[in-house]
Amino acid sequence: MKQEQLSHRETRWTKQAFPLILACDNWQDPRNVGMAFRLADAFGVEAIWLGGASPVPPNRKISKTARSTEGWVPFVHQANLAQALVAAKTQQYTLIGVEITNQSKALDDYLRTEVPQPTILVLGAEQSGISREVLEVLDGCVHIPMYGRNSSLNVATALAIALSAWVSRWREGK
């Protein structure tokens, strides 16, 4: 049988939601925010928190990149993201940053031993990373191992890798 690509209308996915919130700490590029909405939809993220100066819908560039997902993925603007994260800890959320720090663990190593539920994944702006005040309230950080000369990825790319790994581990039931 010849393999053929399916159209969007022919594609059927089982809708599933995971106990995961994505927190964007002062993201600057609305196109990255739009990608966060698409990825949140694709990976069953509970909600997006747009922290600090992050652009929020309605925004033409967000809408174009999000491909309408900003219309159904729940989001809230958190003017003070660090404060919102502290409040989330009282609701038993584990706060994990995706950031290279002096104590961060490789993403795959971390997920071999821990897959906390519920979780808030925090990613910072491309240029400055996670802000100091947000880093101070996190339970830990993970990083994506890289084997070339560069030490960073586009934030939407890093988000896609982290969400794929996280959701895969939850689907495995570990």
N, C-alpha and C. Protein backbone atom coordinates (compact mmCIF):
# COMPACT_ATOMS: atom_id res chain seq x y z
N MET A 1 0.85 -1.19 0.00
CA MET A 1 0.00 0.00 0.00
C MET A 1 0.89 1.24 0.00
N LYS A 2 0.57 2.18 -0.83
CA LYS A 2 1.33 3.42 -0.94
C LYS A 2 0.97 4.35 0.23
N GLN A 3 1.99 4.90 0.86
CA GLN A 3 1.78 5.82 1.97
C GLN A 3 1.41 7.20 1.43
N GLU A 4 0.34 7.80 1.99
CA GLU A 4 -0.09 9.12 1.55
C GLU A 4 -0.32 10.02 2.76
N GLN A 5 0.01 11.27 2.60
CA GLN A 5 -0.19 12.24 3.65
C GLN A 5 -1.68 12.51 3.85
N LEU A 6 -2.11 12.63 5.10
CA LEU A 6 -3.51 12.95 5.40
C LEU A 6 -3.71 14.46 5.44
N SER A 7 -4.89 14.90 5.07
CA SER A 7 -5.23 16.31 5.21
C SER A 7 -5.59 16.59 6.66
N HIS A 8 -5.72 17.85 7.00
CA HIS A 8 -6.12 18.22 8.37
C HIS A 8 -7.48 17.62 8.72
N ARG A 9 -8.40 17.59 7.77
CA ARG A 9 -9.74 17.05 8.03
C ARG A 9 -9.73 15.53 8.24
N GLU A 10 -8.77 14.85 7.64
CA GLU A 10 -8.68 13.39 7.76
C GLU A 10 -7.95 12.94 9.03
N THR A 11 -7.23 13.85 9.65
CA THR A 11 -6.44 13.51 10.84
C THR A 11 -7.34 13.47 12.06
N ARG A 12 -7.23 12.41 12.84
CA ARG A 12 -8.02 12.25 14.06
C ARG A 12 -7.09 11.97 15.23
N TRP A 13 -7.17 12.81 16.23
CA TRP A 13 -6.37 12.64 17.44
C TRP A 13 -7.31 12.49 18.62
N THR A 14 -6.88 11.76 19.61
CA THR A 14 -7.65 11.64 20.83
C THR A 14 -7.31 12.83 21.72
N LYS A 15 -8.31 13.61 22.07
CA LYS A 15 -8.07 14.77 22.93
C LYS A 15 -7.71 14.28 24.32
N GLN A 16 -6.66 14.85 24.86
CA GLN A 16 -6.21 14.48 26.20
C GLN A 16 -5.60 15.71 26.84
N ALA A 17 -5.83 15.88 28.12
CA ALA A 17 -5.25 17.01 28.85
C ALA A 17 -4.36 16.47 29.95
N PHE A 18 -3.26 17.17 30.16
CA PHE A 18 -2.30 16.77 31.18
C PHE A 18 -2.23 17.87 32.25
N PRO A 19 -1.88 17.51 33.48
CA PRO A 19 -1.80 18.49 34.57
C PRO A 19 -0.53 19.32 34.46
N LEU A 20 -0.50 20.15 33.43
CA LEU A 20 0.70 20.90 33.10
C LEU A 20 0.31 22.31 32.66
N ILE A 21 0.93 23.28 33.29
CA ILE A 21 0.76 24.68 32.91
C ILE A 21 2.10 25.15 32.34
N LEU A 22 2.04 25.90 31.27
CA LEU A 22 3.23 26.52 30.69
C LEU A 22 3.28 27.97 31.15
N ALA A 23 4.39 28.37 31.75
CA ALA A 23 4.57 29.76 32.18
C ALA A 23 5.68 30.40 31.35
N CYS A 24 5.34 31.46 30.65
CA CYS A 24 6.28 32.19 29.79
C CYS A 24 6.73 33.44 30.54
N ASP A 25 8.00 33.48 30.92
CA ASP A 25 8.54 34.57 31.72
C ASP A 25 9.11 35.67 30.82
N ASN A 26 8.34 36.72 30.65
CA ASN A 26 8.77 37.90 29.88
C ASN A 26 9.22 37.59 28.46
N TRP A 27 8.47 36.72 27.77
CA TRP A 27 8.78 36.46 26.37
C TRP A 27 8.57 37.75 25.59
N GLN A 28 9.38 37.98 24.59
CA GLN A 28 9.29 39.24 23.86
C GLN A 28 8.68 39.11 22.48
N ASP A 29 8.90 38.00 21.81
CA ASP A 29 8.46 37.85 20.43
C ASP A 29 7.06 37.23 20.37
N PRO A 30 6.09 37.94 19.83
CA PRO A 30 4.74 37.39 19.76
C PRO A 30 4.65 36.11 18.92
N ARG A 31 5.58 35.92 17.99
CA ARG A 31 5.57 34.68 17.20
C ARG A 31 5.92 33.48 18.09
N ASN A 32 6.80 33.66 19.05
CA ASN A 32 7.10 32.58 20.00
C ASN A 32 5.89 32.30 20.88
N VAL A 33 5.18 33.34 21.28
CA VAL A 33 3.96 33.14 22.07
C VAL A 33 2.94 32.38 21.24
N GLY A 34 2.81 32.73 19.96
CA GLY A 34 1.90 31.99 19.08
C GLY A 34 2.27 30.52 19.00
N MET A 35 3.56 30.23 18.90
CA MET A 35 4.00 28.83 18.88
C MET A 35 3.70 28.15 20.21
N ALA A 36 3.79 28.87 21.30
CA ALA A 36 3.46 28.28 22.60
C ALA A 36 2.00 27.83 22.61
N PHE A 37 1.11 28.62 22.02
CA PHE A 37 -0.30 28.21 21.95
C PHE A 37 -0.47 26.95 21.09
N ARG A 38 0.20 26.91 19.95
CA ARG A 38 0.10 25.71 19.09
C ARG A 38 0.62 24.47 19.79
N LEU A 39 1.76 24.62 20.46
CA LEU A 39 2.35 23.49 21.17
C LEU A 39 1.50 23.08 22.37
N ALA A 40 0.96 24.06 23.08
CA ALA A 40 0.09 23.75 24.22
C ALA A 40 -1.12 22.95 23.77
N ASP A 41 -1.69 23.33 22.65
CA ASP A 41 -2.81 22.58 22.10
C ASP A 41 -2.38 21.17 21.70
N ALA A 42 -1.27 21.07 20.99
CA ALA A 42 -0.80 19.78 20.49
C ALA A 42 -0.47 18.80 21.61
N PHE A 43 0.04 19.31 22.73
CA PHE A 43 0.49 18.43 23.82
C PHE A 43 -0.46 18.39 25.01
N GLY A 44 -1.65 18.93 24.88
CA GLY A 44 -2.65 18.81 25.95
C GLY A 44 -2.32 19.58 27.21
N VAL A 45 -1.71 20.75 27.06
CA VAL A 45 -1.36 21.58 28.21
C VAL A 45 -2.63 22.20 28.79
N GLU A 46 -2.70 22.23 30.11
CA GLU A 46 -3.87 22.74 30.83
C GLU A 46 -4.12 24.23 30.56
N ALA A 47 -3.05 25.03 30.57
CA ALA A 47 -3.19 26.48 30.40
C ALA A 47 -1.81 27.09 30.15
N ILE A 48 -1.83 28.32 29.67
CA ILE A 48 -0.61 29.10 29.50
C ILE A 48 -0.70 30.33 30.40
N TRP A 49 0.38 30.59 31.11
CA TRP A 49 0.52 31.84 31.87
C TRP A 49 1.52 32.70 31.13
N LEU A 50 1.08 33.87 30.71
CA LEU A 50 1.95 34.82 30.03
C LEU A 50 2.40 35.84 31.07
N GLY A 51 3.66 35.71 31.48
CA GLY A 51 4.16 36.50 32.59
C GLY A 51 4.81 37.80 32.19
N GLY A 52 4.65 38.80 33.06
CA GLY A 52 5.32 40.08 32.90
C GLY A 52 5.00 40.77 31.60
N ALA A 53 6.05 41.05 30.83
CA ALA A 53 5.92 41.81 29.58
C ALA A 53 5.59 40.94 28.37
N SER A 54 5.29 39.67 28.57
CA SER A 54 4.96 38.80 27.43
C SER A 54 3.75 39.34 26.68
N PRO A 55 3.81 39.35 25.35
CA PRO A 55 2.63 39.78 24.58
C PRO A 55 1.46 38.82 24.80
N VAL A 56 0.26 39.35 24.75
CA VAL A 56 -0.95 38.55 24.98
C VAL A 56 -1.94 38.75 23.82
N PRO A 57 -2.78 37.74 23.58
CA PRO A 57 -3.84 37.94 22.59
C PRO A 57 -4.83 39.00 23.07
N PRO A 58 -5.51 39.67 22.20
CA PRO A 58 -5.41 39.58 20.76
C PRO A 58 -4.16 40.31 20.25
N ASN A 59 -3.47 39.67 19.32
CA ASN A 59 -2.25 40.20 18.73
C ASN A 59 -2.12 39.52 17.37
N ARG A 60 -1.98 40.29 16.32
CA ARG A 60 -1.96 39.76 14.96
C ARG A 60 -0.85 38.73 14.76
N LYS A 61 0.35 38.99 15.27
CA LYS A 61 1.46 38.05 15.09
C LYS A 61 1.24 36.77 15.89
N ILE A 62 0.68 36.90 17.09
CA ILE A 62 0.35 35.69 17.87
C ILE A 62 -0.66 34.85 17.10
N SER A 63 -1.72 35.49 16.61
CA SER A 63 -2.79 34.78 15.90
C SER A 63 -2.28 34.07 14.66
N LYS A 64 -1.42 34.73 13.92
CA LYS A 64 -0.91 34.13 12.68
C LYS A 64 -0.10 32.87 12.99
N THR A 65 0.75 32.93 13.99
CA THR A 65 1.59 31.77 14.34
C THR A 65 0.79 30.71 15.08
N ALA A 66 -0.16 31.12 15.90
CA ALA A 66 -0.95 30.18 16.71
C ALA A 66 -1.95 29.40 15.87
N ARG A 67 -2.27 29.88 14.69
CA ARG A 67 -3.24 29.20 13.82
C ARG A 67 -4.57 28.96 14.55
N SER A 68 -5.04 29.98 15.24
CA SER A 68 -6.33 30.02 15.94
C SER A 68 -6.34 29.33 17.30
N THR A 69 -5.27 28.64 17.70
CA THR A 69 -5.29 27.91 18.97
C THR A 69 -5.42 28.85 20.17
N GLU A 70 -5.06 30.11 20.00
CA GLU A 70 -5.23 31.06 21.11
C GLU A 70 -6.70 31.27 21.43
N GLY A 71 -7.58 30.81 20.54
CA GLY A 71 -9.02 30.91 20.76
C GLY A 71 -9.56 29.86 21.71
N TRP A 72 -8.84 28.76 21.92
CA TRP A 72 -9.36 27.72 22.82
C TRP A 72 -8.38 27.24 23.88
N VAL A 73 -7.10 27.54 23.75
CA VAL A 73 -6.17 27.18 24.82
C VAL A 73 -6.31 28.24 25.92
N PRO A 74 -6.67 27.83 27.14
CA PRO A 74 -6.83 28.80 28.21
C PRO A 74 -5.51 29.52 28.52
N PHE A 75 -5.60 30.82 28.75
CA PHE A 75 -4.41 31.58 29.12
C PHE A 75 -4.80 32.69 30.08
N VAL A 76 -3.80 33.13 30.83
CA VAL A 76 -3.98 34.26 31.73
C VAL A 76 -2.70 35.07 31.72
N HIS A 77 -2.83 36.39 31.81
CA HIS A 77 -1.65 37.23 31.96
C HIS A 77 -1.33 37.34 33.44
N GLN A 78 -0.13 36.97 33.81
CA GLN A 78 0.34 37.09 35.21
C GLN A 78 1.33 38.24 35.26
N ALA A 79 0.87 39.40 35.71
CA ALA A 79 1.75 40.57 35.76
C ALA A 79 2.98 40.29 36.63
N ASN A 80 2.76 39.59 37.75
CA ASN A 80 3.87 39.21 38.63
C ASN A 80 3.94 37.69 38.63
N LEU A 81 4.73 37.14 37.72
CA LEU A 81 4.79 35.69 37.55
C LEU A 81 5.34 35.00 38.79
N ALA A 82 6.36 35.57 39.41
CA ALA A 82 6.94 34.95 40.61
C ALA A 82 5.88 34.79 41.70
N GLN A 83 5.09 35.80 41.91
CA GLN A 83 4.03 35.76 42.92
C GLN A 83 2.99 34.69 42.57
N ALA A 84 2.61 34.60 41.30
CA ALA A 84 1.64 33.59 40.87
C ALA A 84 2.20 32.18 41.07
N LEU A 85 3.49 32.00 40.83
CA LEU A 85 4.11 30.69 41.01
C LEU A 85 4.14 30.29 42.48
N VAL A 86 4.43 31.23 43.35
CA VAL A 86 4.41 30.94 44.80
C VAL A 86 3.01 30.49 45.21
N ALA A 87 1.99 31.17 44.71
CA ALA A 87 0.61 30.78 45.03
C ALA A 87 0.30 29.38 44.49
N ALA A 88 0.84 29.04 43.32
CA ALA A 88 0.60 27.72 42.73
C ALA A 88 1.21 26.60 43.57
N LYS A 89 2.29 26.90 44.26
CA LYS A 89 2.92 25.89 45.14
C LYS A 89 1.94 25.45 46.22
N THR A 90 1.10 26.35 46.69
CA THR A 90 0.13 25.99 47.72
C THR A 90 -0.94 25.03 47.19
N GLN A 91 -1.04 24.94 45.86
CA GLN A 91 -1.98 24.01 45.21
C GLN A 91 -1.25 22.76 44.74
N GLN A 92 -0.06 22.53 45.31
CA GLN A 92 0.73 21.32 45.06
C GLN A 92 1.37 21.24 43.68
N TYR A 93 1.49 22.35 42.96
CA TYR A 93 2.20 22.33 41.70
C TYR A 93 3.71 22.26 41.96
N THR A 94 4.42 21.48 41.15
CA THR A 94 5.87 21.47 41.15
C THR A 94 6.31 22.46 40.07
N LEU A 95 7.23 23.32 40.41
CA LEU A 95 7.66 24.39 39.50
C LEU A 95 9.03 24.05 38.93
N ILE A 96 9.07 23.79 37.63
CA ILE A 96 10.30 23.38 36.97
C ILE A 96 10.63 24.35 35.84
N GLY A 97 11.83 24.91 35.90
CA GLY A 97 12.30 25.78 34.83
C GLY A 97 13.04 24.98 33.77
N VAL A 98 12.93 25.42 32.54
CA VAL A 98 13.74 24.87 31.46
C VAL A 98 14.82 25.91 31.21
N GLU A 99 15.97 25.68 31.85
CA GLU A 99 17.04 26.68 31.89
C GLU A 99 18.34 26.01 32.28
N ILE A 100 19.43 26.43 31.68
CA ILE A 100 20.74 25.93 32.08
C ILE A 100 21.19 26.72 33.29
N THR A 101 21.35 26.02 34.42
CA THR A 101 21.85 26.66 35.64
C THR A 101 22.98 25.79 36.21
N ASN A 102 23.58 26.27 37.29
CA ASN A 102 24.65 25.49 37.92
C ASN A 102 24.11 24.24 38.63
N GLN A 103 22.78 24.13 38.76
CA GLN A 103 22.19 22.97 39.41
C GLN A 103 21.17 22.24 38.52
N SER A 104 21.02 22.66 37.28
CA SER A 104 20.02 22.01 36.42
C SER A 104 20.44 20.60 36.08
N LYS A 105 19.41 19.77 35.86
CA LYS A 105 19.63 18.37 35.47
C LYS A 105 19.24 18.22 34.01
N ALA A 106 19.89 17.31 33.33
CA ALA A 106 19.52 17.01 31.95
C ALA A 106 18.06 16.55 31.94
N LEU A 107 17.28 17.03 30.99
CA LEU A 107 15.86 16.74 30.91
C LEU A 107 15.57 15.24 30.97
N ASP A 108 16.26 14.46 30.14
CA ASP A 108 16.00 13.02 30.11
C ASP A 108 16.40 12.34 31.41
N ASP A 109 17.48 12.77 32.05
CA ASP A 109 17.88 12.21 33.35
C ASP A 109 16.83 12.52 34.42
N TYR A 110 16.36 13.75 34.43
CA TYR A 110 15.34 14.16 35.41
C TYR A 110 14.07 13.31 35.24
N LEU A 111 13.63 13.15 34.00
CA LEU A 111 12.38 12.43 33.75
C LEU A 111 12.49 10.93 33.96
N ARG A 112 13.71 10.41 34.05
CA ARG A 112 13.88 8.99 34.38
C ARG A 112 13.53 8.72 35.84
N THR A 113 13.72 9.72 36.68
CA THR A 113 13.51 9.53 38.12
C THR A 113 12.30 10.26 38.66
N GLU A 114 11.91 11.35 38.02
CA GLU A 114 10.80 12.17 38.53
C GLU A 114 9.90 12.59 37.38
N VAL A 115 8.60 12.49 37.61
CA VAL A 115 7.62 13.04 36.67
C VAL A 115 6.50 13.63 37.52
N PRO A 116 6.75 14.77 38.13
CA PRO A 116 5.77 15.32 39.07
C PRO A 116 4.47 15.73 38.39
N GLN A 117 3.38 15.56 39.14
CA GLN A 117 2.07 16.02 38.70
C GLN A 117 1.40 16.72 39.87
N PRO A 118 0.79 17.83 39.71
CA PRO A 118 0.81 18.68 38.53
C PRO A 118 2.12 19.49 38.45
N THR A 119 2.42 20.00 37.28
CA THR A 119 3.67 20.72 37.04
C THR A 119 3.41 22.03 36.34
N ILE A 120 4.22 23.01 36.67
CA ILE A 120 4.29 24.24 35.88
C ILE A 120 5.69 24.29 35.28
N LEU A 121 5.75 24.27 33.95
CA LEU A 121 7.02 24.41 33.24
C LEU A 121 7.22 25.89 32.93
N VAL A 122 8.38 26.41 33.32
CA VAL A 122 8.67 27.83 33.14
C VAL A 122 9.80 27.97 32.13
N LEU A 123 9.59 28.79 31.12
CA LEU A 123 10.63 29.11 30.15
C LEU A 123 10.77 30.61 30.08
N GLY A 124 12.01 31.08 30.01
CA GLY A 124 12.28 32.51 29.98
C GLY A 124 12.43 33.05 28.58
N ALA A 125 12.64 34.36 28.52
CA ALA A 125 12.85 35.04 27.25
C ALA A 125 14.13 34.55 26.59
N GLU A 126 14.16 34.62 25.26
CA GLU A 126 15.31 34.09 24.52
C GLU A 126 16.62 34.77 24.91
N GLN A 127 16.63 36.05 25.07
CA GLN A 127 17.88 36.75 25.35
C GLN A 127 18.31 36.66 26.81
N SER A 128 17.35 36.75 27.72
CA SER A 128 17.71 36.85 29.15
C SER A 128 17.38 35.62 29.97
N GLY A 129 16.64 34.67 29.42
CA GLY A 129 16.29 33.47 30.18
C GLY A 129 15.27 33.77 31.26
N ILE A 130 15.19 32.87 32.23
CA ILE A 130 14.26 33.03 33.35
C ILE A 130 14.80 34.10 34.29
N SER A 131 13.95 35.03 34.68
CA SER A 131 14.37 36.12 35.56
C SER A 131 14.80 35.59 36.93
N ARG A 132 15.66 36.34 37.58
CA ARG A 132 16.18 35.94 38.90
C ARG A 132 15.07 35.71 39.91
N GLU A 133 14.07 36.62 39.94
CA GLU A 133 13.00 36.48 40.93
C GLU A 133 12.16 35.22 40.68
N VAL A 134 12.02 34.80 39.43
CA VAL A 134 11.30 33.57 39.13
C VAL A 134 12.18 32.36 39.44
N LEU A 135 13.46 32.42 39.06
CA LEU A 135 14.38 31.31 39.37
C LEU A 135 14.38 30.97 40.86
N GLU A 136 14.30 31.99 41.69
CA GLU A 136 14.37 31.80 43.14
C GLU A 136 13.19 31.02 43.71
N VAL A 137 12.06 30.98 43.03
CA VAL A 137 10.89 30.27 43.56
C VAL A 137 10.70 28.88 42.95
N LEU A 138 11.52 28.53 41.97
CA LEU A 138 11.37 27.23 41.31
C LEU A 138 11.85 26.09 42.20
N ASP A 139 11.26 24.92 41.99
CA ASP A 139 11.69 23.72 42.70
C ASP A 139 12.94 23.11 42.07
N GLY A 140 13.21 23.44 40.83
CA GLY A 140 14.38 22.94 40.14
C GLY A 140 14.36 23.36 38.68
N CYS A 141 15.45 23.05 37.99
CA CYS A 141 15.55 23.35 36.57
C CYS A 141 16.08 22.14 35.81
N VAL A 142 15.64 22.03 34.58
CA VAL A 142 16.15 21.02 33.66
C VAL A 142 16.72 21.75 32.44
N HIS A 143 17.66 21.09 31.79
CA HIS A 143 18.20 21.64 30.55
C HIS A 143 18.18 20.56 29.48
N ILE A 144 18.21 21.00 28.25
CA ILE A 144 18.22 20.10 27.11
C ILE A 144 19.69 19.90 26.72
N PRO A 145 20.18 18.66 26.81
CA PRO A 145 21.58 18.43 26.43
C PRO A 145 21.81 18.82 24.96
N MET A 146 22.92 19.50 24.74
CA MET A 146 23.29 19.91 23.38
C MET A 146 24.72 19.46 23.12
N TYR A 147 25.00 19.08 21.91
CA TYR A 147 26.29 18.46 21.60
C TYR A 147 27.11 19.23 20.58
N GLY A 148 26.64 20.38 20.17
CA GLY A 148 27.39 21.22 19.24
C GLY A 148 28.07 22.36 19.98
N ARG A 149 28.37 23.41 19.28
CA ARG A 149 29.05 24.57 19.88
C ARG A 149 28.08 25.54 20.55
N ASN A 150 26.85 25.60 20.04
CA ASN A 150 25.87 26.55 20.56
C ASN A 150 25.36 26.07 21.92
N SER A 151 24.98 27.00 22.77
CA SER A 151 24.49 26.62 24.10
C SER A 151 23.02 26.94 24.31
N SER A 152 22.32 27.31 23.24
CA SER A 152 20.91 27.64 23.43
C SER A 152 20.11 27.31 22.17
N LEU A 153 18.79 27.22 22.38
CA LEU A 153 17.83 26.97 21.30
C LEU A 153 16.80 28.09 21.30
N ASN A 154 16.10 28.24 20.20
CA ASN A 154 14.94 29.11 20.17
C ASN A 154 13.98 28.62 21.26
N VAL A 155 13.32 29.52 21.96
CA VAL A 155 12.48 29.14 23.09
C VAL A 155 11.33 28.23 22.68
N ALA A 156 10.76 28.43 21.50
CA ALA A 156 9.67 27.56 21.05
C ALA A 156 10.21 26.16 20.73
N THR A 157 11.41 26.08 20.21
CA THR A 157 12.03 24.78 19.94
C THR A 157 12.29 24.05 21.26
N ALA A 158 12.85 24.76 22.22
CA ALA A 158 13.10 24.16 23.54
C ALA A 158 11.79 23.70 24.17
N LEU A 159 10.75 24.50 24.04
CA LEU A 159 9.45 24.14 24.58
C LEU A 159 8.93 22.86 23.94
N ALA A 160 9.05 22.75 22.63
CA ALA A 160 8.58 21.55 21.93
C ALA A 160 9.31 20.31 22.43
N ILE A 161 10.61 20.40 22.60
CA ILE A 161 11.39 19.26 23.09
C ILE A 161 10.96 18.89 24.50
N ALA A 162 10.83 19.89 25.38
CA ALA A 162 10.45 19.63 26.78
C ALA A 162 9.05 19.04 26.87
N LEU A 163 8.09 19.60 26.15
CA LEU A 163 6.72 19.08 26.20
C LEU A 163 6.64 17.66 25.67
N SER A 164 7.34 17.39 24.59
CA SER A 164 7.32 16.04 24.03
C SER A 164 7.87 15.03 25.05
N ALA A 165 8.98 15.37 25.68
CA ALA A 165 9.58 14.46 26.67
C ALA A 165 8.65 14.28 27.87
N TRP A 166 8.10 15.38 28.38
CA TRP A 166 7.25 15.33 29.57
C TRP A 166 6.01 14.48 29.32
N VAL A 167 5.31 14.79 28.24
CA VAL A 167 4.06 14.09 27.93
C VAL A 167 4.33 12.62 27.62
N SER A 168 5.42 12.33 26.95
CA SER A 168 5.77 10.93 26.67
C SER A 168 5.94 10.15 27.96
N ARG A 169 6.60 10.72 28.95
CA ARG A 169 6.79 10.04 30.22
C ARG A 169 5.45 9.83 30.93
N TRP A 170 4.56 10.81 30.91
CA TRP A 170 3.25 10.65 31.53
C TRP A 170 2.46 9.57 30.82
N ARG A 171 2.54 9.54 29.51
CA ARG A 171 1.80 8.52 28.75
C ARG A 171 2.32 7.13 29.03
N GLU A 172 3.60 7.02 29.36
CA GLU A 172 4.17 5.73 29.72
C GLU A 172 3.70 5.27 31.11
N GLY A 173 3.12 6.20 31.85
CA GLY A 173 2.62 5.88 33.18
C GLY A 173 3.70 5.82 34.26
N LYS A 174 4.81 6.51 34.02
CA LYS A 174 5.92 6.50 34.98
C LYS A 174 6.02 7.81 35.68
